[in-house]
Amino acid sequence: MGLLDRLRGAGRIRVHLLIRGRIGDGWVDVDTHLRVPIGTTLAELIAIADGRGLGMSTALAASPHLAETLMWNGARTPVAEHGARSLADGDELYLLAPLAGG
């Protein structure tokens, strides 16, 4: 079953998305909960977030280190390695850009 089929279905989970910090040329501050179909993968969540104007793929492209340091329920989760992993109800995803270099 594809994402569009699942979007039409009734089964939904709630995911917390936080994007914060200086990303690219500006400051990004997103703190929201998204309802997505059961079985949604990380890659699909990125597309859904973009479709809702949250700019997740823009943040990842503007600050590529974020793709390596995405936090999923407190654990570092590189996007390239976990894009096909399915989300669960209550999952929390954080993209936190560093505030200063070092």
PDB file of N, CA and C in Angstrom:
ATOM      1  N   MET A   1       0.857  -1.180   0.000  1.00  0.00           N
ATOM      2  CA  MET A   1       0.000   0.000   0.000  1.00  0.00           C
ATOM      3  C   MET A   1       0.894   1.231   0.000  1.00  0.00           C
ATOM      4  N   GLY A   2       0.652   2.167  -0.918  1.00  0.00           N
ATOM      5  CA  GLY A   2       1.452   3.372  -1.038  1.00  0.00           C
ATOM      6  C   GLY A   2       1.027   4.460  -0.067  1.00  0.00           C
ATOM      7  N   LEU A   3       1.809   5.525  -0.015  1.00  0.00           N
ATOM      8  CA  LEU A   3       1.532   6.643   0.884  1.00  0.00           C
ATOM      9  C   LEU A   3       0.173   7.267   0.609  1.00  0.00           C
ATOM     10  N   LEU A   4      -0.186   7.457  -0.661  1.00  0.00           N
ATOM     11  CA  LEU A   4      -1.484   8.078  -0.969  1.00  0.00           C
ATOM     12  C   LEU A   4      -2.637   7.223  -0.460  1.00  0.00           C
ATOM     13  N   ASP A   5      -2.517   5.910  -0.592  1.00  0.00           N
ATOM     14  CA  ASP A   5      -3.550   5.019  -0.072  1.00  0.00           C
ATOM     15  C   ASP A   5      -3.655   5.150   1.447  1.00  0.00           C
ATOM     16  N   ARG A   6      -2.487   5.220   2.108  1.00  0.00           N
ATOM     17  CA  ARG A   6      -2.503   5.341   3.570  1.00  0.00           C
ATOM     18  C   ARG A   6      -3.036   6.703   3.999  1.00  0.00           C
ATOM     19  N   LEU A   7      -2.741   7.773   3.212  1.00  0.00           N
ATOM     20  CA  LEU A   7      -3.257   9.102   3.556  1.00  0.00           C
ATOM     21  C   LEU A   7      -4.779   9.117   3.567  1.00  0.00           C
ATOM     22  N   ARG A   8      -5.384   8.309   2.710  1.00  0.00           N
ATOM     23  CA  ARG A   8      -6.846   8.241   2.638  1.00  0.00           C
ATOM     24  C   ARG A   8      -7.441   7.377   3.750  1.00  0.00           C
ATOM     25  N   GLY A   9      -6.613   6.526   4.367  1.00  0.00           N
ATOM     26  CA  GLY A   9      -7.081   5.611   5.402  1.00  0.00           C
ATOM     27  C   GLY A   9      -7.307   6.300   6.735  1.00  0.00           C
ATOM     28  N   ALA A  10      -7.885   5.562   7.672  1.00  0.00           N
ATOM     29  CA  ALA A  10      -8.251   6.119   8.968  1.00  0.00           C
ATOM     30  C   ALA A  10      -7.128   6.005   9.992  1.00  0.00           C
ATOM     31  N   GLY A  11      -6.232   5.025   9.847  1.00  0.00           N
ATOM     32  CA  GLY A  11      -5.197   4.803  10.842  1.00  0.00           C
ATOM     33  C   GLY A  11      -4.146   5.896  10.841  1.00  0.00           C
ATOM     34  N   ARG A  12      -4.043   6.623  11.939  1.00  0.00           N
ATOM     35  CA  ARG A  12      -3.099   7.741  12.033  1.00  0.00           C
ATOM     36  C   ARG A  12      -2.272   7.619  13.301  1.00  0.00           C
ATOM     37  N   ILE A  13      -1.072   8.160  13.236  1.00  0.00           N
ATOM     38  CA  ILE A  13      -0.230   8.307  14.409  1.00  0.00           C
ATOM     39  C   ILE A  13       0.120   9.777  14.553  1.00  0.00           C
ATOM     40  N   ARG A  14       0.591  10.148  15.733  1.00  0.00           N
ATOM     41  CA  ARG A  14       0.969  11.533  16.005  1.00  0.00           C
ATOM     42  C   ARG A  14       2.476  11.578  16.239  1.00  0.00           C
ATOM     43  N   VAL A  15       3.156  12.476  15.509  1.00  0.00           N
ATOM     44  CA  VAL A  15       4.607  12.614  15.569  1.00  0.00           C
ATOM     45  C   VAL A  15       4.944  14.056  15.915  1.00  0.00           C
ATOM     46  N   HIS A  16       5.899  14.244  16.819  1.00  0.00           N
ATOM     47  CA  HIS A  16       6.349  15.584  17.202  1.00  0.00           C
ATOM     48  C   HIS A  16       7.556  15.949  16.350  1.00  0.00           C
ATOM     49  N   LEU A  17       7.511  17.097  15.694  1.00  0.00           N
ATOM     50  CA  LEU A  17       8.598  17.574  14.842  1.00  0.00           C
ATOM     51  C   LEU A  17       9.099  18.904  15.371  1.00  0.00           C
ATOM     52  N   LEU A  18      10.404  18.966  15.629  1.00  0.00           N
ATOM     53  CA  LEU A  18      11.044  20.182  16.114  1.00  0.00           C
ATOM     54  C   LEU A  18      12.231  20.483  15.209  1.00  0.00           C
ATOM     55  N   ILE A  19      12.222  21.668  14.614  1.00  0.00           N
ATOM     56  CA  ILE A  19      13.345  22.155  13.810  1.00  0.00           C
ATOM     57  C   ILE A  19      13.702  23.513  14.395  1.00  0.00           C
ATOM     58  N   ARG A  20      14.948  23.658  14.826  1.00  0.00           N
ATOM     59  CA  ARG A  20      15.291  24.902  15.493  1.00  0.00           C
ATOM     60  C   ARG A  20      16.754  25.252  15.257  1.00  0.00           C
ATOM     61  N   GLY A  21      17.003  26.527  15.028  1.00  0.00           N
ATOM     62  CA  GLY A  21      18.368  27.022  14.934  1.00  0.00           C
ATOM     63  C   GLY A  21      18.617  27.791  13.655  1.00  0.00           C
ATOM     64  N   ARG A  22      19.832  28.239  13.509  1.00  0.00           N
ATOM     65  CA  ARG A  22      20.248  28.959  12.306  1.00  0.00           C
ATOM     66  C   ARG A  22      20.521  27.918  11.228  1.00  0.00           C
ATOM     67  N   ILE A  23      19.680  27.920  10.213  1.00  0.00           N
ATOM     68  CA  ILE A  23      19.761  26.938   9.139  1.00  0.00           C
ATOM     69  C   ILE A  23      19.784  27.698   7.821  1.00  0.00           C
ATOM     70  N   GLY A  24      20.851  27.495   7.034  1.00  0.00           N
ATOM     71  CA  GLY A  24      20.979  28.250   5.792  1.00  0.00           C
ATOM     72  C   GLY A  24      21.163  29.719   6.111  1.00  0.00           C
ATOM     73  N   ASP A  25      20.335  30.558   5.501  1.00  0.00           N
ATOM     74  CA  ASP A  25      20.463  32.010   5.682  1.00  0.00           C
ATOM     75  C   ASP A  25      19.596  32.577   6.794  1.00  0.00           C
ATOM     76  N   GLY A  26      18.812  31.745   7.459  1.00  0.00           N
ATOM     77  CA  GLY A  26      17.905  32.306   8.455  1.00  0.00           C
ATOM     78  C   GLY A  26      17.667  31.397   9.634  1.00  0.00           C
ATOM     79  N   TRP A  27      16.850  31.897  10.534  1.00  0.00           N
ATOM     80  CA  TRP A  27      16.481  31.176  11.743  1.00  0.00           C
ATOM     81  C   TRP A  27      15.220  30.365  11.454  1.00  0.00           C
ATOM     82  N   VAL A  28      15.225  29.108  11.867  1.00  0.00           N
ATOM     83  CA  VAL A  28      14.066  28.243  11.687  1.00  0.00           C
ATOM     84  C   VAL A  28      13.580  27.827  13.063  1.00  0.00           C
ATOM     85  N   ASP A  29      12.278  27.942  13.287  1.00  0.00           N
ATOM     86  CA  ASP A  29      11.691  27.578  14.573  1.00  0.00           C
ATOM     87  C   ASP A  29      10.360  26.880  14.320  1.00  0.00           C
ATOM     88  N   VAL A  30      10.396  25.556  14.281  1.00  0.00           N
ATOM     89  CA  VAL A  30       9.197  24.742  14.081  1.00  0.00           C
ATOM     90  C   VAL A  30       9.054  23.846  15.296  1.00  0.00           C
ATOM     91  N   ASP A  31       7.901  23.857  15.909  1.00  0.00           N
ATOM     92  CA  ASP A  31       7.591  22.959  17.024  1.00  0.00           C
ATOM     93  C   ASP A  31       6.124  22.578  16.865  1.00  0.00           C
ATOM     94  N   THR A  32       5.892  21.417  16.247  1.00  0.00           N
ATOM     95  CA  THR A  32       4.523  21.038  15.906  1.00  0.00           C
ATOM     96  C   THR A  32       4.332  19.531  15.999  1.00  0.00           C
ATOM     97  N   HIS A  33       3.106  19.131  16.043  1.00  0.00           N
ATOM     98  CA  HIS A  33       2.742  17.715  15.983  1.00  0.00           C
ATOM     99  C   HIS A  33       2.032  17.469  14.657  1.00  0.00           C
ATOM    100  N   LEU A  34       2.417  16.379  14.004  1.00  0.00           N
ATOM    101  CA  LEU A  34       1.799  16.006  12.738  1.00  0.00           C
ATOM    102  C   LEU A  34       1.071  14.687  12.904  1.00  0.00           C
ATOM    103  N   ARG A  35      -0.089  14.587  12.300  1.00  0.00           N
ATOM    104  CA  ARG A  35      -0.803  13.318  12.221  1.00  0.00           C
ATOM    105  C   ARG A  35      -0.508  12.744  10.843  1.00  0.00           C
ATOM    106  N   VAL A  36       0.056  11.552  10.843  1.00  0.00           N
ATOM    107  CA  VAL A  36       0.442  10.897   9.596  1.00  0.00           C
ATOM    108  C   VAL A  36      -0.101   9.474   9.602  1.00  0.00           C
ATOM    109  N   PRO A  37      -0.224   8.868   8.429  1.00  0.00           N
ATOM    110  CA  PRO A  37      -0.742   7.502   8.356  1.00  0.00           C
ATOM    111  C   PRO A  37       0.182   6.499   9.051  1.00  0.00           C
ATOM    112  N   ILE A  38      -0.405   5.478   9.638  1.00  0.00           N
ATOM    113  CA  ILE A  38       0.371   4.371  10.187  1.00  0.00           C
ATOM    114  C   ILE A  38       1.259   3.820   9.070  1.00  0.00           C
ATOM    115  N   GLY A  39       2.505   3.539   9.380  1.00  0.00           N
ATOM    116  CA  GLY A  39       3.433   3.004   8.392  1.00  0.00           C
ATOM    117  C   GLY A  39       4.252   4.056   7.673  1.00  0.00           C
ATOM    118  N   THR A  40       4.034   5.347   7.978  1.00  0.00           N
ATOM    119  CA  THR A  40       4.808   6.412   7.345  1.00  0.00           C
ATOM    120  C   THR A  40       6.279   6.268   7.712  1.00  0.00           C
ATOM    121  N   THR A  41       7.135   6.365   6.702  1.00  0.00           N
ATOM    122  CA  THR A  41       8.578   6.282   6.920  1.00  0.00           C
ATOM    123  C   THR A  41       9.148   7.675   7.158  1.00  0.00           C
ATOM    124  N   LEU A  42      10.400   7.704   7.584  1.00  0.00           N
ATOM    125  CA  LEU A  42      11.081   8.983   7.783  1.00  0.00           C
ATOM    126  C   LEU A  42      11.121   9.772   6.482  1.00  0.00           C
ATOM    127  N   ALA A  43      11.449   9.113   5.369  1.00  0.00           N
ATOM    128  CA  ALA A  43      11.501   9.797   4.071  1.00  0.00           C
ATOM    129  C   ALA A  43      10.129  10.365   3.701  1.00  0.00           C
ATOM    130  N   GLU A  44       9.082   9.613   3.957  1.00  0.00           N
ATOM    131  CA  GLU A  44       7.728  10.093   3.659  1.00  0.00           C
ATOM    132  C   GLU A  44       7.341  11.243   4.575  1.00  0.00           C
ATOM    133  N   LEU A  45       7.769  11.202   5.842  1.00  0.00           N
ATOM    134  CA  LEU A  45       7.479  12.299   6.764  1.00  0.00           C
ATOM    135  C   LEU A  45       8.117  13.591   6.268  1.00  0.00           C
ATOM    136  N   ILE A  46       9.332  13.502   5.758  1.00  0.00           N
ATOM    137  CA  ILE A  46       9.999  14.696   5.223  1.00  0.00           C
ATOM    138  C   ILE A  46       9.151  15.302   4.102  1.00  0.00           C
ATOM    139  N   ALA A  47       8.634  14.464   3.203  1.00  0.00           N
ATOM    140  CA  ALA A  47       7.779  14.952   2.106  1.00  0.00           C
ATOM    141  C   ALA A  47       6.473  15.522   2.641  1.00  0.00           C
ATOM    142  N   ILE A  48       5.875  14.876   3.632  1.00  0.00           N
ATOM    143  CA  ILE A  48       4.626  15.368   4.218  1.00  0.00           C
ATOM    144  C   ILE A  48       4.868  16.720   4.887  1.00  0.00           C
ATOM    145  N   ALA A  49       5.958  16.834   5.646  1.00  0.00           N
ATOM    146  CA  ALA A  49       6.286  18.099   6.318  1.00  0.00           C
ATOM    147  C   ALA A  49       6.480  19.217   5.297  1.00  0.00           C
ATOM    148  N   ASP A  50       7.165  18.903   4.200  1.00  0.00           N
ATOM    149  CA  ASP A  50       7.348  19.901   3.139  1.00  0.00           C
ATOM    150  C   ASP A  50       5.999  20.328   2.568  1.00  0.00           C
ATOM    151  N   GLY A  51       5.120  19.367   2.333  1.00  0.00           N
ATOM    152  CA  GLY A  51       3.792  19.655   1.789  1.00  0.00           C
ATOM    153  C   GLY A  51       2.955  20.530   2.705  1.00  0.00           C
ATOM    154  N   ARG A  52       3.293  20.531   3.981  1.00  0.00           N
ATOM    155  CA  ARG A  52       2.573  21.357   4.958  1.00  0.00           C
ATOM    156  C   ARG A  52       3.317  22.649   5.261  1.00  0.00           C
ATOM    157  N   GLY A  53       4.328  22.959   4.426  1.00  0.00           N
ATOM    158  CA  GLY A  53       5.047  24.227   4.549  1.00  0.00           C
ATOM    159  C   GLY A  53       6.067  24.274   5.667  1.00  0.00           C
ATOM    160  N   LEU A  54       6.517  23.119   6.177  1.00  0.00           N
ATOM    161  CA  LEU A  54       7.442  23.107   7.307  1.00  0.00           C
ATOM    162  C   LEU A  54       8.913  23.092   6.895  1.00  0.00           C
ATOM    163  N   GLY A  55       9.190  22.889   5.628  1.00  0.00           N
ATOM    164  CA  GLY A  55      10.543  23.042   5.102  1.00  0.00           C
ATOM    165  C   GLY A  55      11.590  22.096   5.646  1.00  0.00           C
ATOM    166  N   MET A  56      11.215  20.866   5.927  1.00  0.00           N
ATOM    167  CA  MET A  56      12.181  19.924   6.479  1.00  0.00           C
ATOM    168  C   MET A  56      13.290  19.592   5.474  1.00  0.00           C
ATOM    169  N   SER A  57      12.950  19.344   4.221  1.00  0.00           N
ATOM    170  CA  SER A  57      14.000  19.026   3.239  1.00  0.00           C
ATOM    171  C   SER A  57      14.860  20.253   2.960  1.00  0.00           C
ATOM    172  N   THR A  58      14.293  21.455   3.026  1.00  0.00           N
ATOM    173  CA  THR A  58      15.073  22.680   2.861  1.00  0.00           C
ATOM    174  C   THR A  58      16.088  22.809   3.986  1.00  0.00           C
ATOM    175  N   ALA A  59      15.670  22.522   5.214  1.00  0.00           N
ATOM    176  CA  ALA A  59      16.588  22.573   6.354  1.00  0.00           C
ATOM    177  C   ALA A  59      17.714  21.557   6.171  1.00  0.00           C
ATOM    178  N   LEU A  60      17.376  20.343   5.732  1.00  0.00           N
ATOM    179  CA  LEU A  60      18.384  19.308   5.517  1.00  0.00           C
ATOM    180  C   LEU A  60      19.356  19.696   4.408  1.00  0.00           C
ATOM    181  N   ALA A  61      18.855  20.314   3.342  1.00  0.00           N
ATOM    182  CA  ALA A  61      19.716  20.719   2.223  1.00  0.00           C
ATOM    183  C   ALA A  61      20.580  21.926   2.582  1.00  0.00           C
ATOM    184  N   ALA A  62      20.027  22.872   3.343  1.00  0.00           N
ATOM    185  CA  ALA A  62      20.753  24.094   3.689  1.00  0.00           C
ATOM    186  C   ALA A  62      21.850  23.835   4.718  1.00  0.00           C
ATOM    187  N   SER A  63      21.660  22.841   5.554  1.00  0.00           N
ATOM    188  CA  SER A  63      22.639  22.501   6.586  1.00  0.00           C
ATOM    189  C   SER A  63      22.814  20.985   6.583  1.00  0.00           C
ATOM    190  N   PRO A  64      23.625  20.474   5.640  1.00  0.00           N
ATOM    191  CA  PRO A  64      23.727  19.020   5.444  1.00  0.00           C
ATOM    192  C   PRO A  64      24.103  18.212   6.686  1.00  0.00           C
ATOM    193  N   HIS A  65      24.791  18.830   7.647  1.00  0.00           N
ATOM    194  CA  HIS A  65      25.132  18.081   8.867  1.00  0.00           C
ATOM    195  C   HIS A  65      23.882  17.627   9.605  1.00  0.00           C
ATOM    196  N   LEU A  66      22.759  18.330   9.408  1.00  0.00           N
ATOM    197  CA  LEU A  66      21.520  17.945  10.077  1.00  0.00           C
ATOM    198  C   LEU A  66      21.047  16.558   9.639  1.00  0.00           C
ATOM    199  N   ALA A  67      21.322  16.196   8.389  1.00  0.00           N
ATOM    200  CA  ALA A  67      20.931  14.865   7.907  1.00  0.00           C
ATOM    201  C   ALA A  67      21.674  13.766   8.659  1.00  0.00           C
ATOM    202  N   GLU A  68      22.833  14.099   9.208  1.00  0.00           N
ATOM    203  CA  GLU A  68      23.615  13.130   9.983  1.00  0.00           C
ATOM    204  C   GLU A  68      23.298  13.177  11.470  1.00  0.00           C
ATOM    205  N   THR A  69      22.734  14.303  11.927  1.00  0.00           N
ATOM    206  CA  THR A  69      22.530  14.480  13.368  1.00  0.00           C
ATOM    207  C   THR A  69      21.064  14.549  13.770  1.00  0.00           C
ATOM    208  N   LEU A  70      20.157  14.203  12.849  1.00  0.00           N
ATOM    209  CA  LEU A  70      18.739  14.164  13.206  1.00  0.00           C
ATOM    210  C   LEU A  70      18.578  13.279  14.437  1.00  0.00           C
ATOM    211  N   MET A  71      17.813  13.737  15.384  1.00  0.00           N
ATOM    212  CA  MET A  71      17.559  12.973  16.603  1.00  0.00           C
ATOM    213  C   MET A  71      16.143  12.388  16.531  1.00  0.00           C
ATOM    214  N   TRP A  72      16.044  11.096  16.735  1.00  0.00           N
ATOM    215  CA  TRP A  72      14.753  10.385  16.717  1.00  0.00           C
ATOM    216  C   TRP A  72      14.605   9.764  18.095  1.00  0.00           C
ATOM    217  N   ASN A  73      13.684  10.296  18.867  1.00  0.00           N
ATOM    218  CA  ASN A  73      13.472   9.848  20.250  1.00  0.00           C
ATOM    219  C   ASN A  73      14.779   9.867  21.044  1.00  0.00           C
ATOM    220  N   GLY A  74      15.594  10.897  20.816  1.00  0.00           N
ATOM    221  CA  GLY A  74      16.815  11.092  21.579  1.00  0.00           C
ATOM    222  C   GLY A  74      18.034  10.358  21.056  1.00  0.00           C
ATOM    223  N   ALA A  75      17.895   9.595  19.989  1.00  0.00           N
ATOM    224  CA  ALA A  75      19.030   8.865  19.422  1.00  0.00           C
ATOM    225  C   ALA A  75      19.413   9.465  18.071  1.00  0.00           C
ATOM    226  N   ARG A  76      20.709   9.645  17.861  1.00  0.00           N
ATOM    227  CA  ARG A  76      21.197  10.147  16.576  1.00  0.00           C
ATOM    228  C   ARG A  76      20.805   9.159  15.491  1.00  0.00           C
ATOM    229  N   THR A  77      20.157   9.687  14.430  1.00  0.00           N
ATOM    230  CA  THR A  77      19.583   8.838  13.382  1.00  0.00           C
ATOM    231  C   THR A  77      19.866   9.443  12.013  1.00  0.00           C
ATOM    232  N   PRO A  78      20.967   9.081  11.383  1.00  0.00           N
ATOM    233  CA  PRO A  78      21.265   9.618  10.046  1.00  0.00           C
ATOM    234  C   PRO A  78      20.127   9.314   9.064  1.00  0.00           C
ATOM    235  N   VAL A  79      19.690  10.336   8.357  1.00  0.00           N
ATOM    236  CA  VAL A  79      18.548  10.212   7.447  1.00  0.00           C
ATOM    237  C   VAL A  79      18.822   9.176   6.356  1.00  0.00           C
ATOM    238  N   ALA A  80      20.018   9.177   5.774  1.00  0.00           N
ATOM    239  CA  ALA A  80      20.321   8.257   4.681  1.00  0.00           C
ATOM    240  C   ALA A  80      20.194   6.797   5.100  1.00  0.00           C
ATOM    241  N   GLU A  81      20.503   6.511   6.348  1.00  0.00           N
ATOM    242  CA  GLU A  81      20.456   5.134   6.839  1.00  0.00           C
ATOM    243  C   GLU A  81      19.079   4.731   7.350  1.00  0.00           C
ATOM    244  N   HIS A  82      18.230   5.701   7.661  1.00  0.00           N
ATOM    245  CA  HIS A  82      16.959   5.400   8.318  1.00  0.00           C
ATOM    246  C   HIS A  82      15.733   5.911   7.564  1.00  0.00           C
ATOM    247  N   GLY A  83      15.908   6.355   6.322  1.00  0.00           N
ATOM    248  CA  GLY A  83      14.792   6.905   5.547  1.00  0.00           C
ATOM    249  C   GLY A  83      13.636   5.944   5.370  1.00  0.00           C
ATOM    250  N   ALA A  84      13.906   4.644   5.331  1.00  0.00           N
ATOM    251  CA  ALA A  84      12.849   3.644   5.124  1.00  0.00           C
ATOM    252  C   ALA A  84      12.258   3.137   6.433  1.00  0.00           C
ATOM    253  N   ARG A  85      12.745   3.626   7.551  1.00  0.00           N
ATOM    254  CA  ARG A  85      12.251   3.197   8.869  1.00  0.00           C
ATOM    255  C   ARG A  85      10.888   3.823   9.151  1.00  0.00           C
ATOM    256  N   SER A  86       9.969   3.013   9.646  1.00  0.00           N
ATOM    257  CA  SER A  86       8.603   3.488   9.929  1.00  0.00           C
ATOM    258  C   SER A  86       8.529   4.182  11.281  1.00  0.00           C
ATOM    259  N   LEU A  87       7.734   5.240  11.305  1.00  0.00           N
ATOM    260  CA  LEU A  87       7.484   5.981  12.537  1.00  0.00           C
ATOM    261  C   LEU A  87       6.431   5.270  13.385  1.00  0.00           C
ATOM    262  N   ALA A  88       6.436   5.568  14.671  1.00  0.00           N
ATOM    263  CA  ALA A  88       5.437   5.033  15.594  1.00  0.00           C
ATOM    264  C   ALA A  88       4.752   6.191  16.305  1.00  0.00           C
ATOM    265  N   ASP A  89       3.573   5.933  16.823  1.00  0.00           N
ATOM    266  CA  ASP A  89       2.825   6.961  17.544  1.00  0.00           C
ATOM    267  C   ASP A  89       3.665   7.510  18.697  1.00  0.00           C
ATOM    268  N   GLY A  90       3.750   8.836  18.783  1.00  0.00           N
ATOM    269  CA  GLY A  90       4.484   9.488  19.856  1.00  0.00           C
ATOM    270  C   GLY A  90       5.959   9.739  19.563  1.00  0.00           C
ATOM    271  N   ASP A  91       6.457   9.305  18.404  1.00  0.00           N
ATOM    272  CA  ASP A  91       7.856   9.554  18.070  1.00  0.00           C
ATOM    273  C   ASP A  91       8.136  11.052  18.033  1.00  0.00           C
ATOM    274  N   GLU A  92       9.378  11.409  18.398  1.00  0.00           N
ATOM    275  CA  GLU A  92       9.824  12.797  18.365  1.00  0.00           C
ATOM    276  C   GLU A  92      11.063  12.896  17.495  1.00  0.00           C
ATOM    277  N   LEU A  93      11.018  13.822  16.535  1.00  0.00           N
ATOM    278  CA  LEU A  93      12.124  14.058  15.612  1.00  0.00           C
ATOM    279  C   LEU A  93      12.610  15.488  15.794  1.00  0.00           C
ATOM    280  N   TYR A  94      13.935  15.642  15.960  1.00  0.00           N
ATOM    281  CA  TYR A  94      14.521  16.948  16.211  1.00  0.00           C
ATOM    282  C   TYR A  94      15.633  17.223  15.218  1.00  0.00           C
ATOM    283  N   LEU A  95      15.577  18.381  14.612  1.00  0.00           N
ATOM    284  CA  LEU A  95      16.682  18.934  13.824  1.00  0.00           C
ATOM    285  C   LEU A  95      17.120  20.195  14.566  1.00  0.00           C
ATOM    286  N   LEU A  96      18.224  20.100  15.261  1.00  0.00           N
ATOM    287  CA  LEU A  96      18.692  21.220  16.064  1.00  0.00           C
ATOM    288  C   LEU A  96      20.030  21.693  15.518  1.00  0.00           C
ATOM    289  N   ALA A  97      20.019  22.830  14.848  1.00  0.00           N
ATOM    290  CA  ALA A  97      21.244  23.380  14.280  1.00  0.00           C
ATOM    291  C   ALA A  97      22.091  24.002  15.389  1.00  0.00           C
ATOM    292  N   PRO A  98      23.406  23.854  15.302  1.00  0.00           N
ATOM    293  CA  PRO A  98      24.266  24.473  16.305  1.00  0.00           C
ATOM    294  C   PRO A  98      24.140  25.989  16.250  1.00  0.00           C
ATOM    295  N   LEU A  99      24.255  26.609  17.406  1.00  0.00           N
ATOM    296  CA  LEU A  99      24.157  28.069  17.494  1.00  0.00           C
ATOM    297  C   LEU A  99      25.498  28.749  17.275  1.00  0.00           C
ATOM    298  N   ALA A 100      26.587  28.023  17.460  1.00  0.00           N
ATOM    299  CA  ALA A 100      27.911  28.603  17.274  1.00  0.00           C
ATOM    300  C   ALA A 100      28.874  27.513  16.813  1.00  0.00           C
ATOM    301  N   GLY A 101      29.881  27.940  16.092  1.00  0.00           N
ATOM    302  CA  GLY A 101      30.910  26.996  15.665  1.00  0.00           C
ATOM    303  C   GLY A 101      31.886  26.722  16.792  1.00  0.00           C
ATOM    304  N   GLY A 102      32.815  25.818  16.529  1.00  0.00           N
ATOM    305  CA  GLY A 102      33.760  25.545  17.614  1.00  0.00           C
ATOM    306  C   GLY A 102      35.005  24.881  17.184  1.00  0.00           C
TER     307      GLY A 102
END
